[in-house]
Amino acid sequence: MALSNTAVPKYYGRFRDAVIRGEIPVCKQVSMEMNRIDALIASPKYYYDDKAVEGWIKFCENELVLTDGSDLNLLDSFKLWGEQVWGWYYYVERSVYEPNEDGHGGHYVQKTIKKRLINKQYLIVGRGAAKSLYASSMHGYELNVDPSTTHQVATAPTMKQAEETMSPLKTAITRARGPLFKFLTQGSLQNTTGSRANRQKLCPTKKGIENFLTGSLLEVRAMSIDSLQGLRCKLATVDEWLSGDIREDVVGAIEQGASKLDDYLIIATSSEGTVRNGVGDSVKMELEQILRGEYINPHVSIWWYKLDSLDEVGIPEMWLKANPNTGKTVTYETIQLDVERAEKTPAARNDILAKRFGIPMEGYTYFFTYDETIPHRKRSFWKMPCSLGADLSRGDDFCAFTFLFPLSNGGFGVKTRNYISSLTFNKLHPAMRMKYEDFIKEGSLAVMEGTTLDMMEVYEDLDQFILQQEYDVRTFGFDPYNAEAFVQRWVTENGPFGVEKVQQGARTESVPLGEIKKISEERLLIFDEQLFGFAMGNCITIEDTNGNRKLLKKRHDEKIDPVAALIDALVAFKRNPDAFE
């Protein structure tokens, strides 16, 4: 069949038919990706090349082996993912320089260039899906088949994890079962002066795995921006980018250098993580937007496997949603044992739910779920009545103000205004500084010059902000810490009515926290700011002996101040119902 703009991809077609027949259950995210692929099939702009797909499959099954040396037969899921990468193409018109036949000078000609459609693929899939083997198959193909591939990188949170991508290739080189690997591994590395034909052309070296015939190198690098930035990789695999405390945009760092090349490819594989507000959460939000069609990017492939709810954990028939290789690379018995362990061992529960079933959980008991921290569409709340909450600081914490707008549906709108000193901002880690810059752009964060915050300068800015937005502030709740001068001025200029001191602690916080939690679960806490979602995602709680909950944060840089200010605003609102009649 070769190239066609009307063909249904072979392996996707089989998968789709099985889904329609009810043989394969899929989650919401996979269903949305299927919609995106259906749109590719329907579009005359994109072409499917079955020969490119079958070439990759043939190479893998003829040349590669498993780490134990046994033959490799590609899983249906691998064929589905790989087809998305190798099967789709489009054409661009480009002016290309060609030398004249006589060897003197040259000229530009207009040519139609075939380009691979996908340059990034994200795989979020349950533990035990053989993700490293899939990455290895990609590296092996590019290392030995594509002569334009000169540099590849495999990276993971630890060097040991990254090395796992190399293992099947090293085993395949040692075994050399296929015709290509038999040819490439003939000869000796020690033969440096004799005939090139007698030298080994593919072998592991101190640098990584090298193909001396094509000049290609596959190396392992640590997962940090410093070690990955500036590289011009034709292919890079990023393993477990959602695991560990990864707060740098590793994929973005790789792409900066790789995007200077034609047809670069980044494969990012991971199980769901247990760390909040890392770069992973930001990437997942972007992937959700692509899947929903809010952001059109046909160059990204997304296979995001997960259970749709906690209720499905106890239903083995649903486990395929989280890991399409269940029963093949990991047994049902193994997963069942994990389910039983999660029930008996609370400490292991979150890790199992996240990594086995793709349910976003956290290593600690976070108060808000991942879904609850996703911002809503933009809202202004212009001229609406509201309660203002304040959590003040002069040091390196946020000085946070949260506006709470009662809505007719029983929910609340939320806007924030937060302040930090320039000294604090300049001391931020580069990755965190980029996040803060986004907060500044959206207007939820202001940086004030100096080593500490001047509360009167903060007051002036907040006052101007309220006037500009025309918010109707009717009550004011505040944590008394560092608040005396600020509150005194507020009372002088606005009067004492509705001004409430809210002493933070489990006894005071527990009830409003429960109300906020219920509202957020129903998605009736309407906020549109990344900063507030960031603060919600940082909130953990502890209980006292009476079952009262208190708000805490796990790490110093995980700010929760806007949520603390929200509690103050809610308490002031509840204490003064007459103000809102």
Protein backbone atom coordinates (compact mmCIF):
# COMPACT_ATOMS: atom_id res chain seq x y z
CA MET A 1 0.00 0.00 0.00
CA ALA A 2 2.83 2.39 0.93
CA LEU A 3 1.95 6.07 1.23
CA SER A 4 -1.73 7.00 1.39
CA ASN A 5 -3.87 9.84 2.72
CA THR A 6 -6.99 7.69 2.87
CA ALA A 7 -5.79 4.50 4.58
CA VAL A 8 -6.71 3.42 8.10
CA PRO A 9 -3.56 2.55 10.05
CA LYS A 10 -3.29 -1.21 10.34
CA TYR A 11 -2.60 -1.62 14.07
CA TYR A 12 -4.73 1.28 15.18
CA GLY A 13 -7.57 -0.11 13.07
CA ARG A 14 -7.35 -3.45 14.88
CA PHE A 15 -7.23 -1.70 18.24
CA ARG A 16 -10.20 0.54 17.45
CA ASP A 17 -12.31 -2.40 16.28
CA ALA A 18 -11.52 -4.28 19.50
CA VAL A 19 -12.51 -1.23 21.56
CA ILE A 20 -15.79 -0.87 19.66
CA ARG A 21 -16.56 -4.57 20.19
CA GLY A 22 -16.02 -4.06 23.93
CA GLU A 23 -13.01 -6.39 24.07
CA ILE A 24 -10.59 -3.67 25.26
CA PRO A 25 -11.72 -1.13 27.88
CA VAL A 26 -10.18 2.32 27.53
CA CYS A 27 -10.05 5.36 29.78
CA LYS A 28 -11.23 8.84 28.89
CA GLN A 29 -7.74 10.01 27.86
CA VAL A 30 -7.15 7.09 25.46
CA SER A 31 -10.61 7.62 24.01
CA MET A 32 -9.75 11.26 23.29
CA GLU A 33 -6.47 10.21 21.63
CA MET A 34 -8.46 7.86 19.41
CA ASN A 35 -10.57 10.84 18.36
CA ARG A 36 -7.36 12.67 17.41
CA ILE A 37 -6.16 9.73 15.31
CA ASP A 38 -9.55 9.49 13.61
CA ALA A 39 -9.13 13.17 12.70
CA LEU A 40 -5.71 12.41 11.15
CA ILE A 41 -7.27 9.65 9.06
CA ALA A 42 -10.00 12.00 7.86
CA SER A 43 -7.61 14.84 6.98
CA PRO A 44 -6.19 15.02 3.43
CA LYS A 45 -3.10 16.82 4.80
CA TYR A 46 -1.62 13.75 6.49
CA TYR A 47 -0.35 10.50 4.98
CA TYR A 48 0.04 7.02 6.38
CA ASP A 49 3.05 4.92 5.32
CA ASP A 50 2.61 1.25 6.14
CA LYS A 51 6.08 0.37 4.78
CA ALA A 52 7.78 2.61 7.34
CA VAL A 53 5.83 0.93 10.14
CA GLU A 54 6.47 -2.60 8.92
CA GLY A 55 10.18 -1.77 8.42
CA TRP A 56 10.49 -0.83 12.09
CA ILE A 57 8.58 -3.96 13.20
CA LYS A 58 10.70 -6.22 10.97
CA PHE A 59 13.93 -4.72 12.30
CA CYS A 60 12.85 -5.15 15.94
CA GLU A 61 11.66 -8.74 15.57
CA ASN A 62 14.60 -9.87 13.41
CA GLU A 63 17.45 -8.12 15.21
CA LEU A 64 16.55 -7.33 18.83
CA VAL A 65 16.16 -9.68 21.78
CA LEU A 66 14.90 -9.53 25.33
CA THR A 67 17.40 -8.99 28.15
CA ASP A 68 17.40 -12.73 28.86
CA GLY A 69 18.43 -13.39 25.26
CA SER A 70 15.07 -14.78 24.10
CA ASP A 71 13.43 -13.71 20.84
CA LEU A 72 11.50 -10.45 20.74
CA ASN A 73 7.95 -10.43 19.44
CA LEU A 74 6.57 -6.92 19.60
CA LEU A 75 3.51 -6.48 21.76
CA ASP A 76 0.33 -5.14 20.17
CA SER A 77 0.69 -2.04 22.32
CA PHE A 78 4.24 -1.45 21.00
CA LYS A 79 2.98 -1.72 17.42
CA LEU A 80 0.18 0.72 18.23
CA TRP A 81 2.57 3.27 19.77
CA GLY A 82 5.28 2.78 17.15
CA GLU A 83 2.80 3.07 14.29
CA GLN A 84 1.88 6.51 15.56
CA VAL A 85 5.55 7.56 15.38
CA TRP A 86 6.67 5.93 12.13
CA GLY A 87 3.41 5.77 10.21
CA TRP A 88 2.34 9.40 9.81
CA TYR A 89 3.84 11.95 7.42
CA TYR A 90 3.11 15.27 5.80
CA TYR A 91 4.66 17.35 3.02
CA VAL A 92 6.14 20.84 3.04
CA GLU A 93 7.39 23.04 0.23
CA ARG A 94 10.99 24.08 0.74
CA SER A 95 13.63 25.97 -1.20
CA VAL A 96 16.70 23.70 -1.45
CA TYR A 97 20.17 24.63 -2.71
CA GLU A 98 21.56 22.34 -5.41
CA PRO A 99 25.06 22.57 -6.91
CA ASN A 100 25.31 22.86 -10.69
CA GLU A 101 26.29 19.75 -12.67
CA ASP A 102 29.57 21.32 -13.82
CA GLY A 103 30.63 21.77 -10.20
CA HIS A 104 30.63 25.54 -10.38
CA GLY A 105 28.12 27.39 -8.24
CA GLY A 106 24.58 26.28 -7.65
CA HIS A 107 20.99 27.35 -7.52
CA TYR A 108 17.87 27.06 -5.36
CA VAL A 109 15.05 24.81 -6.42
CA GLN A 110 11.59 24.39 -4.92
CA LYS A 111 11.09 20.87 -3.60
CA THR A 112 8.38 18.97 -1.82
CA ILE A 113 9.84 17.43 1.34
CA LYS A 114 8.35 14.46 3.19
CA LYS A 115 8.43 14.94 6.97
CA ARG A 116 7.47 12.64 9.82
CA LEU A 117 4.43 14.07 11.63
CA ILE A 118 5.21 13.07 15.22
CA ASN A 119 8.21 14.56 17.02
CA LYS A 120 7.08 13.93 20.61
CA GLN A 121 5.34 10.96 22.12
CA TYR A 122 4.13 10.80 25.72
CA LEU A 123 3.38 7.39 27.26
CA ILE A 124 1.85 7.41 30.74
CA VAL A 125 1.20 3.79 31.59
CA GLY A 126 1.08 1.55 34.63
CA ARG A 127 4.14 -0.12 36.15
CA GLY A 128 5.23 -3.33 34.41
CA ALA A 129 4.25 -2.29 30.85
CA ALA A 130 7.83 -2.80 29.53
CA LYS A 131 8.27 0.88 28.71
CA SER A 132 12.07 0.58 28.74
CA LEU A 133 11.95 -2.18 26.13
CA TYR A 134 9.82 0.01 23.88
CA ALA A 135 12.34 2.86 24.25
CA SER A 136 15.15 0.42 23.49
CA SER A 137 13.43 -0.65 20.25
CA MET A 138 13.30 2.99 19.16
CA HIS A 139 16.96 3.55 19.93
CA GLY A 140 18.03 0.35 18.20
CA TYR A 141 16.18 1.27 15.01
CA GLU A 142 17.49 4.82 14.79
CA LEU A 143 21.03 3.78 15.76
CA ASN A 144 21.34 1.24 13.00
CA VAL A 145 18.85 2.02 10.23
CA ASP A 146 18.72 5.82 9.93
CA PRO A 147 22.18 7.05 8.79
CA SER A 148 21.25 10.67 9.62
CA THR A 149 21.01 9.84 13.33
CA THR A 150 24.34 10.77 14.86
CA HIS A 151 23.42 11.37 18.49
CA GLN A 152 20.88 9.78 20.82
CA VAL A 153 20.32 10.17 24.55
CA ALA A 154 18.56 8.00 27.13
CA THR A 155 17.81 9.66 30.45
CA ALA A 156 15.97 8.76 33.66
CA PRO A 157 15.89 9.93 37.31
CA THR A 158 18.80 7.58 38.06
CA MET A 159 21.62 6.34 35.87
CA LYS A 160 20.64 2.77 36.73
CA GLN A 161 17.13 3.35 35.32
CA ALA A 162 18.57 4.91 32.16
CA GLU A 163 20.95 1.99 31.70
CA GLU A 164 17.93 -0.33 31.54
CA THR A 165 17.18 1.14 28.11
CA MET A 166 20.64 0.01 26.97
CA SER A 167 20.39 -3.56 28.28
CA PRO A 168 18.28 -5.13 25.48
CA LEU A 169 20.53 -3.51 22.87
CA LYS A 170 23.70 -4.77 24.54
CA THR A 171 22.20 -8.27 24.71
CA ALA A 172 21.17 -8.07 21.04
CA ILE A 173 24.71 -7.04 20.08
CA THR A 174 26.16 -9.97 22.01
CA ARG A 175 23.72 -12.45 20.50
CA ALA A 176 23.60 -10.95 16.96
CA ARG A 177 20.77 -13.16 15.74
CA GLY A 178 19.68 -11.06 12.75
CA PRO A 179 21.52 -10.43 9.46
CA LEU A 180 22.17 -6.74 10.14
CA PHE A 181 23.59 -7.27 13.64
CA LYS A 182 25.66 -10.24 12.41
CA PHE A 183 27.23 -7.94 9.83
CA LEU A 184 27.72 -5.02 12.24
CA THR A 185 29.29 -7.12 14.99
CA GLN A 186 31.78 -8.94 12.79
CA GLY A 187 35.42 -8.15 13.28
CA SER A 188 37.34 -6.85 16.26
CA LEU A 189 37.61 -3.57 18.12
CA GLN A 190 41.33 -4.19 18.50
CA ASN A 191 41.74 -4.09 14.73
CA THR A 192 42.52 -0.39 14.35
CA THR A 193 45.10 -0.47 11.60
CA GLY A 194 43.93 -3.21 9.27
CA SER A 195 41.06 -3.29 6.82
CA ARG A 196 37.92 -1.42 7.94
CA ALA A 197 35.91 -4.41 6.76
CA ASN A 198 37.49 -6.46 9.55
CA ARG A 199 36.64 -3.97 12.29
CA GLN A 200 33.57 -4.27 14.55
CA LYS A 201 31.05 -1.65 13.53
CA LEU A 202 28.51 -1.82 16.40
CA CYS A 203 29.51 -2.25 20.02
CA PRO A 204 29.23 -0.87 23.57
CA THR A 205 32.02 1.58 24.42
CA LYS A 206 32.88 3.92 27.28
CA LYS A 207 30.70 6.56 25.59
CA GLY A 208 27.63 4.29 25.31
CA ILE A 209 26.68 2.21 22.26
CA GLU A 210 28.32 3.27 18.99
CA ASN A 211 27.73 2.45 15.35
CA PHE A 212 31.04 3.26 13.66
CA LEU A 213 29.57 2.66 10.21
CA THR A 214 27.02 5.48 10.52
CA GLY A 215 28.83 7.53 13.17
CA SER A 216 25.88 7.16 15.56
CA LEU A 217 26.13 7.24 19.34
CA LEU A 218 23.59 6.32 22.02
CA GLU A 219 24.61 7.60 25.45
CA VAL A 220 23.12 7.75 28.93
CA ARG A 221 22.78 11.12 30.63
CA ALA A 222 21.63 12.21 34.05
CA MET A 223 18.13 13.72 34.19
CA SER A 224 19.02 17.37 34.73
CA ILE A 225 18.77 20.46 32.55
CA ASP A 226 22.49 21.14 32.96
CA SER A 227 23.46 17.82 31.37
CA LEU A 228 20.79 17.85 28.62
CA GLN A 229 20.50 21.47 27.49
CA GLY A 230 22.08 22.34 24.16
CA LEU A 231 22.30 18.75 22.87
CA ARG A 232 21.24 18.17 19.27
CA CYS A 233 19.70 14.73 19.64
CA LYS A 234 17.94 13.09 16.76
CA LEU A 235 16.28 10.76 19.29
CA ALA A 236 15.94 11.10 23.05
CA THR A 237 14.04 8.91 25.48
CA VAL A 238 13.02 10.25 28.88
CA ASP A 239 12.01 7.55 31.35
CA GLU A 240 9.93 8.09 34.51
CA TRP A 241 9.59 11.84 34.02
CA LEU A 242 6.66 11.82 36.46
CA SER A 243 8.52 9.90 39.14
CA GLY A 244 10.87 11.26 41.74
CA ASP A 245 11.07 14.89 42.77
CA ILE A 246 11.66 16.22 39.27
CA ARG A 247 11.05 19.96 39.10
CA GLU A 248 12.82 20.74 35.82
CA ASP A 249 11.33 20.59 32.34
CA VAL A 250 13.67 17.92 31.03
CA VAL A 251 11.69 17.32 27.83
CA GLY A 252 11.67 21.06 27.13
CA ALA A 253 15.44 21.26 27.68
CA ILE A 254 16.06 18.41 25.21
CA GLU A 255 13.66 19.89 22.68
CA GLN A 256 15.49 23.25 22.66
CA GLY A 257 18.50 21.60 21.03
CA ALA A 258 16.71 18.83 19.14
CA SER A 259 14.30 21.21 17.39
CA LYS A 260 17.24 22.53 15.33
CA LEU A 261 17.24 19.18 13.51
CA ASP A 262 14.76 17.84 10.99
CA ASP A 263 12.57 14.98 12.18
CA TYR A 264 13.79 14.87 15.77
CA LEU A 265 11.96 12.52 18.10
CA ILE A 266 11.46 12.57 21.89
CA ILE A 267 9.83 9.60 23.62
CA ALA A 268 8.75 10.41 27.19
CA THR A 269 7.60 7.34 29.13
CA SER A 270 6.48 7.12 32.73
CA SER A 271 4.08 5.66 35.21
CA GLU A 272 1.99 8.19 37.16
CA GLY A 273 3.96 9.98 39.88
CA THR A 274 3.42 10.87 43.52
CA VAL A 275 4.97 14.36 43.44
CA ARG A 276 2.80 17.47 43.15
CA ASN A 277 3.53 20.75 41.43
CA GLY A 278 6.58 19.44 39.64
CA VAL A 279 6.92 20.12 35.95
CA GLY A 280 4.99 16.89 35.39
CA ASP A 281 1.72 18.46 36.53
CA SER A 282 2.22 21.36 34.11
CA VAL A 283 2.93 18.99 31.23
CA LYS A 284 -0.13 16.87 32.06
CA MET A 285 -2.32 19.97 31.98
CA GLU A 286 -0.98 20.78 28.51
CA LEU A 287 -1.57 17.19 27.36
CA GLU A 288 -5.16 17.39 28.63
CA GLN A 289 -5.68 20.55 26.59
CA ILE A 290 -4.34 18.82 23.46
CA LEU A 291 -6.54 15.77 24.02
CA ARG A 292 -9.63 17.93 24.52
CA GLY A 293 -8.88 19.91 21.36
CA GLU A 294 -8.35 23.18 23.23
CA TYR A 295 -4.79 23.29 21.91
CA ILE A 296 -4.14 21.83 18.45
CA ASN A 297 -0.78 20.09 18.10
CA PRO A 298 -0.74 17.20 15.59
CA HIS A 299 3.00 16.65 16.22
CA VAL A 300 2.40 15.13 19.68
CA SER A 301 1.28 11.56 20.29
CA ILE A 302 -0.33 10.91 23.69
CA TRP A 303 -1.08 7.47 25.12
CA TRP A 304 -2.27 8.10 28.66
CA TYR A 305 -3.49 4.95 30.38
CA LYS A 306 -5.30 5.08 33.72
CA LEU A 307 -8.35 3.95 35.59
CA ASP A 308 -11.20 6.44 35.42
CA SER A 309 -12.06 6.07 39.10
CA LEU A 310 -10.98 4.42 42.34
CA ASP A 311 -13.98 2.10 42.07
CA GLU A 312 -12.31 0.31 39.15
CA VAL A 313 -9.32 -0.79 41.26
CA GLY A 314 -11.35 -3.77 42.48
CA ILE A 315 -12.46 -4.81 38.96
CA PRO A 316 -9.73 -6.87 37.17
CA GLU A 317 -11.51 -6.44 33.82
CA MET A 318 -10.75 -2.70 34.04
CA TRP A 319 -7.01 -3.05 34.70
CA LEU A 320 -6.27 -2.96 30.96
CA LYS A 321 -7.23 0.72 31.11
CA ALA A 322 -4.11 1.41 33.18
CA ASN A 323 -1.77 -1.10 31.53
CA PRO A 324 -2.59 -2.51 28.07
CA ASN A 325 0.05 -5.22 28.64
CA THR A 326 -1.69 -6.69 31.69
CA GLY A 327 -1.53 -10.48 31.40
CA LYS A 328 1.55 -10.23 29.14
CA THR A 329 4.36 -8.27 30.78
CA VAL A 330 2.75 -8.29 34.24
CA THR A 331 0.37 -10.93 35.59
CA TYR A 332 -3.09 -10.36 37.01
CA GLU A 333 -1.88 -12.16 40.14
CA THR A 334 0.93 -9.61 40.65
CA ILE A 335 -1.51 -6.71 40.36
CA GLN A 336 -3.98 -8.43 42.70
CA LEU A 337 -1.26 -8.81 45.32
CA ASP A 338 -0.59 -5.07 45.04
CA VAL A 339 -4.29 -4.34 45.50
CA GLU A 340 -4.34 -6.45 48.68
CA ARG A 341 -1.16 -4.76 49.90
CA ALA A 342 -2.69 -1.31 49.33
CA GLU A 343 -5.68 -2.32 51.46
CA LYS A 344 -3.51 -3.64 54.31
CA THR A 345 -0.66 -1.10 54.18
CA PRO A 346 -1.80 2.54 54.01
CA ALA A 347 1.79 3.72 53.57
CA ALA A 348 2.01 1.88 50.23
CA ARG A 349 -1.48 2.77 49.03
CA ASN A 350 -0.74 6.02 47.21
CA ASP A 351 2.31 4.62 45.43
CA ILE A 352 0.38 1.56 44.20
CA LEU A 353 -2.66 3.55 43.07
CA ALA A 354 -0.44 5.95 41.14
CA LYS A 355 2.08 3.59 39.58
CA ARG A 356 -0.13 0.55 38.97
CA PHE A 357 -3.40 2.25 38.09
CA GLY A 358 -2.45 5.73 36.90
CA ILE A 359 -4.59 7.47 39.53
CA PRO A 360 -2.83 10.75 40.49
CA MET A 361 -1.91 10.28 44.12
CA GLU A 362 0.76 11.69 46.33
CA GLY A 363 3.45 10.33 48.55
CA TYR A 364 1.89 12.34 51.39
CA THR A 365 -1.76 12.87 52.24
CA TYR A 366 -2.50 15.87 50.10
CA PHE A 367 -5.75 17.64 50.78
CA PHE A 368 -6.82 18.37 47.22
CA THR A 369 -6.76 15.87 44.37
CA TYR A 370 -5.00 16.63 41.12
CA ASP A 371 -8.30 17.24 39.29
CA GLU A 372 -9.37 19.76 41.94
CA THR A 373 -6.25 21.86 41.30
CA ILE A 374 -6.89 22.36 37.57
CA PRO A 375 -7.87 26.00 36.85
CA HIS A 376 -11.25 26.84 35.33
CA ARG A 377 -11.90 29.09 32.34
CA LYS A 378 -11.19 32.80 32.76
CA ARG A 379 -13.61 34.79 34.94
CA SER A 380 -13.44 38.45 36.00
CA PHE A 381 -15.95 38.72 38.93
CA TRP A 382 -16.08 42.44 38.10
CA LYS A 383 -17.98 44.56 40.65
CA MET A 384 -19.10 41.46 42.54
CA PRO A 385 -19.35 41.40 46.36
CA CYS A 386 -16.61 39.41 48.06
CA SER A 387 -14.83 38.53 51.28
CA LEU A 388 -11.10 39.23 51.49
CA GLY A 389 -8.68 36.97 53.36
CA ALA A 390 -5.10 37.89 54.27
CA ASP A 391 -2.08 35.79 55.19
CA LEU A 392 0.76 38.27 55.74
CA SER A 393 4.52 37.82 55.76
CA ARG A 394 7.58 40.02 55.64
CA GLY A 395 10.08 37.26 54.97
CA ASP A 396 10.44 34.80 52.11
CA ASP A 397 6.86 33.49 52.24
CA PHE A 398 4.07 34.88 50.10
CA CYS A 399 2.12 37.77 51.44
CA ALA A 400 -1.20 36.42 50.22
CA PHE A 401 -4.64 37.97 49.68
CA THR A 402 -7.56 35.87 48.47
CA PHE A 403 -10.89 37.26 47.28
CA LEU A 404 -13.88 34.95 47.81
CA PHE A 405 -16.98 35.66 45.69
CA PRO A 406 -20.24 33.89 46.71
CA LEU A 407 -22.04 32.51 43.64
CA SER A 408 -25.70 31.75 43.09
CA ASN A 409 -25.06 28.00 42.59
CA GLY A 410 -23.65 27.57 46.10
CA GLY A 411 -20.06 27.75 44.95
CA PHE A 412 -17.45 30.47 45.26
CA GLY A 413 -15.30 32.38 42.83
CA VAL A 414 -11.65 32.92 43.77
CA LYS A 415 -9.08 35.54 42.82
CA THR A 416 -5.73 36.17 44.49
CA ARG A 417 -3.09 38.86 44.79
CA ASN A 418 0.26 37.79 46.23
CA TYR A 419 3.55 39.53 47.01
CA ILE A 420 7.18 38.53 47.46
CA SER A 421 10.38 40.57 47.78
CA SER A 422 12.83 40.89 44.89
CA LEU A 423 15.50 39.24 47.08
CA THR A 424 13.30 36.17 47.51
CA PHE A 425 12.49 36.08 43.79
CA ASN A 426 16.16 36.31 42.76
CA LYS A 427 17.12 33.43 45.07
CA LEU A 428 14.65 31.02 43.46
CA HIS A 429 15.84 27.91 41.65
CA PRO A 430 15.73 28.57 37.86
CA ALA A 431 12.89 26.06 37.32
CA MET A 432 10.83 27.59 40.13
CA ARG A 433 11.62 31.11 38.91
CA MET A 434 10.10 30.23 35.52
CA LYS A 435 6.93 29.09 37.30
CA TYR A 436 6.83 32.34 39.29
CA GLU A 437 7.26 34.34 36.10
CA ASP A 438 4.08 32.69 34.80
CA PHE A 439 2.33 33.83 37.99
CA ILE A 440 3.55 37.38 37.42
CA LYS A 441 2.26 37.32 33.82
CA GLU A 442 -1.22 36.21 34.92
CA GLY A 443 -1.34 39.03 37.49
CA SER A 444 -1.60 36.87 40.61
CA LEU A 445 1.93 37.68 41.87
CA ALA A 446 3.76 40.98 42.31
CA VAL A 447 7.46 41.36 43.13
CA MET A 448 8.27 44.28 45.45
CA GLU A 449 11.77 45.74 45.54
CA GLY A 450 13.86 45.10 48.64
CA THR A 451 14.98 42.37 51.01
CA THR A 452 11.67 42.27 52.94
CA LEU A 453 8.15 43.39 52.18
CA ASP A 454 7.02 46.85 53.24
CA MET A 455 3.42 46.31 54.39
CA MET A 456 2.42 49.86 53.52
CA GLU A 457 3.70 49.42 49.97
CA VAL A 458 1.75 46.17 49.81
CA TYR A 459 -1.34 47.97 51.11
CA GLU A 460 -1.07 50.68 48.43
CA ASP A 461 -0.70 48.12 45.64
CA LEU A 462 -3.58 45.99 46.91
CA ASP A 463 -5.79 49.06 47.26
CA GLN A 464 -5.08 50.02 43.64
CA PHE A 465 -5.72 46.44 42.54
CA ILE A 466 -9.15 46.42 44.24
CA LEU A 467 -10.05 49.76 42.64
CA GLN A 468 -8.95 48.57 39.19
CA GLN A 469 -10.95 45.34 39.44
CA GLU A 470 -13.86 47.16 41.13
CA TYR A 471 -14.28 44.38 43.68
CA ASP A 472 -16.93 45.05 46.34
CA VAL A 473 -15.06 43.93 49.50
CA ARG A 474 -17.57 43.52 52.34
CA THR A 475 -15.69 41.46 54.92
CA PHE A 476 -12.01 41.03 55.79
CA GLY A 477 -10.52 38.04 57.60
CA PHE A 478 -6.88 37.96 58.63
CA ASP A 479 -4.29 35.88 60.44
CA PRO A 480 -2.94 38.19 63.16
CA TYR A 481 0.73 37.27 62.53
CA ASN A 482 2.52 40.41 61.20
CA ALA A 483 -0.87 41.97 60.50
CA GLU A 484 -1.20 44.75 63.12
CA ALA A 485 -0.13 47.77 61.03
CA PHE A 486 -1.90 46.56 57.89
CA VAL A 487 -5.19 45.86 59.69
CA GLN A 488 -5.06 49.14 61.59
CA ARG A 489 -4.84 51.06 58.34
CA TRP A 490 -7.60 48.94 56.78
CA VAL A 491 -9.94 49.70 59.71
CA THR A 492 -9.06 53.41 59.57
CA GLU A 493 -9.86 53.67 55.86
CA ASN A 494 -12.70 51.15 55.54
CA GLY A 495 -14.26 50.92 59.00
CA PRO A 496 -14.33 48.03 61.50
CA PHE A 497 -17.46 46.27 60.21
CA GLY A 498 -16.79 42.75 58.90
CA VAL A 499 -13.12 42.75 60.03
CA GLU A 500 -12.41 39.37 61.65
CA LYS A 501 -9.29 37.98 63.32
CA VAL A 502 -8.84 34.31 62.37
CA GLN A 503 -6.41 32.49 64.63
CA GLN A 504 -4.92 29.70 62.54
CA GLY A 505 -4.90 26.21 64.04
CA ALA A 506 -6.74 22.89 63.86
CA ARG A 507 -9.70 24.07 65.94
CA THR A 508 -10.30 27.11 63.70
CA GLU A 509 -9.33 25.64 60.34
CA SER A 510 -11.02 22.23 60.42
CA VAL A 511 -14.61 23.28 59.65
CA PRO A 512 -13.82 25.76 56.83
CA LEU A 513 -11.33 23.27 55.38
CA GLY A 514 -14.10 20.67 55.24
CA GLU A 515 -16.42 23.14 53.48
CA ILE A 516 -13.73 24.12 50.99
CA LYS A 517 -12.95 20.47 50.29
CA LYS A 518 -16.60 19.64 49.58
CA ILE A 519 -16.96 22.62 47.24
CA SER A 520 -13.73 21.83 45.39
CA GLU A 521 -14.73 18.17 44.94
CA GLU A 522 -17.85 19.37 43.14
CA ARG A 523 -15.71 21.75 41.05
CA LEU A 524 -17.60 24.69 42.51
CA LEU A 525 -14.49 26.50 43.72
CA ILE A 526 -14.08 28.61 40.58
CA PHE A 527 -10.52 29.88 40.08
CA ASP A 528 -8.62 30.62 36.89
CA GLU A 529 -5.11 31.31 38.24
CA GLN A 530 -2.20 28.90 37.98
CA LEU A 531 -0.84 30.23 41.26
CA PHE A 532 -3.92 29.24 43.22
CA GLY A 533 -3.89 25.76 41.67
CA PHE A 534 -0.20 25.55 42.61
CA ALA A 535 -1.02 26.46 46.23
CA MET A 536 -3.89 23.93 46.39
CA GLY A 537 -1.59 21.21 45.11
CA ASN A 538 0.87 21.92 47.95
CA CYS A 539 -1.65 21.55 50.76
CA ILE A 540 -1.32 18.62 53.12
CA THR A 541 -3.25 18.22 56.37
CA ILE A 542 -2.68 16.67 59.78
CA GLU A 543 -5.29 15.73 62.36
CA ASP A 544 -5.20 16.32 66.10
CA THR A 545 -6.52 13.83 68.66
CA ASN A 546 -10.04 15.24 68.21
CA GLY A 547 -10.04 14.71 64.46
CA ASN A 548 -9.58 18.40 63.66
CA ARG A 549 -7.51 19.13 60.55
CA LYS A 550 -4.78 21.72 60.15
CA LEU A 551 -3.27 22.95 56.89
CA LEU A 552 0.46 22.33 56.31
CA LYS A 553 2.99 22.16 53.49
CA LYS A 554 5.52 19.39 52.87
CA ARG A 555 8.43 21.57 51.76
CA HIS A 556 9.49 25.14 52.32
CA ASP A 557 9.15 26.10 48.64
CA GLU A 558 5.67 24.60 48.36
CA LYS A 559 3.62 27.69 49.14
CA ILE A 560 0.10 27.33 50.55
CA ASP A 561 -0.46 30.95 51.68
CA PRO A 562 -3.27 31.75 49.16
CA VAL A 563 -5.26 28.77 50.52
CA ALA A 564 -4.61 29.91 54.10
CA ALA A 565 -5.95 33.33 53.06
CA LEU A 566 -8.96 31.59 51.51
CA ILE A 567 -9.79 30.07 54.91
CA ASP A 568 -9.60 33.55 56.49
CA ALA A 569 -11.93 34.92 53.81
CA LEU A 570 -14.43 32.09 54.31
CA VAL A 571 -14.47 32.51 58.09
CA ALA A 572 -15.12 36.26 57.72
CA PHE A 573 -17.88 35.52 55.21
CA LYS A 574 -19.56 32.98 57.53
CA ARG A 575 -19.38 35.31 60.55
CA ASN A 576 -21.06 38.18 58.68
CA PRO A 577 -23.93 36.76 56.62
CA ASP A 578 -25.82 40.09 56.82
CA ALA A 579 -23.12 41.76 54.76
CA PHE A 580 -24.08 39.70 51.73
CA GLU A 581 -27.86 39.92 51.89
